[in-house]
Amino acid sequence: MMTLAPEDNAAATARADSPQVTVVVPSYNQGPYLEDALQSIEIQDVATEIIVMDGGSTDISLTVLKRWSERLAYWRSEPDGGQASAINEGIRRGTAPYVCWLNSDDKLEPGSLRALIKALEDNPTAPAAYGNALNINSRGSTSPVWVQPFSERRLRLRCIISQPGTLIRRSAWEALDGLDPTLHFALDYDLWWRLYRSFGPLVHVPRILAVNRLHTDTKTRNNRAAHYSEAIGVVRRHHGNLPMKWWLAQPYAVWWKALLAQLGDRK
């Protein structure tokens, strides 16, 4: 198992006025939500560098990005190699000791990054920390995302970590070369497994740190079967045998969630 190198006092002092967190925002035609995402990062009470990797949007995203240009560390809008490649590139452009990504239709809660940094400072061997999250639909109704304290037993049954509410040490991210660019739906699930296998358990912060927006254009909502298939591959890759739950309960859950989404659209 890899170990994380401790930061010396001189390095910490040198970074006192530098960004603490690199936040990459991958985006594509999410203009109606993009500004909310950026504002939720800007109001954090820690120094951040915001990097927007837009895949060549044709909606109002460019207008938003031009308005925010002086507050962004970097942004571009052009076709790319997909979400994982865009996030990897964005984080390479950053300099902060902690990294994360926030999809352009999600939001951080106030104080979330500080809470995650404290969790990592309190647990110096942990590669990443994560908190609870809420789902919010187009009518403004909220429900909790299924998040649980970390254990391999739980992780093999489902993804127990909500990606918007996570923070990763740059040293751990770089040791693993970031996200697997061959994955399109379970790229975060795969990353949690790789971080755990390489460095040990991730730290859970038991408070709501992020909001996951549910709407008709989300990638997961419109590709549930593909997401499910990719997640199975991730579990097989990192755990070996596939728990029976994936064969029995999960296909039913995919069908049920799709049905609920369809009914919700008709209201």
Foldseek 3Di string as FASTA:
>chain_A
DDFDDDDDPVVVVVCVVPAQEEEEEEEEQPVVQQVQAVVLVVLEPGGYAYEYEYQAHPPCNVVVCVVCVVVHPYYDYHHDLADQVSQLVSVVPDDHQKYAYDYSNKHWDHHLVVLFVVQCVVVVLAFKEFEWAWEAEPVGDIDTDQADFDDPVVLLLDPRGDRNGMMGGVVLCVVVSHWDSVDHQCRVSLVLLVSCVHGHHYHYDYDHTMYHYDDDPDPCLVPVVSNLVVSQVSSCVRPNDRDCCSVPVVVVVSVVSNVVVVVVVVD
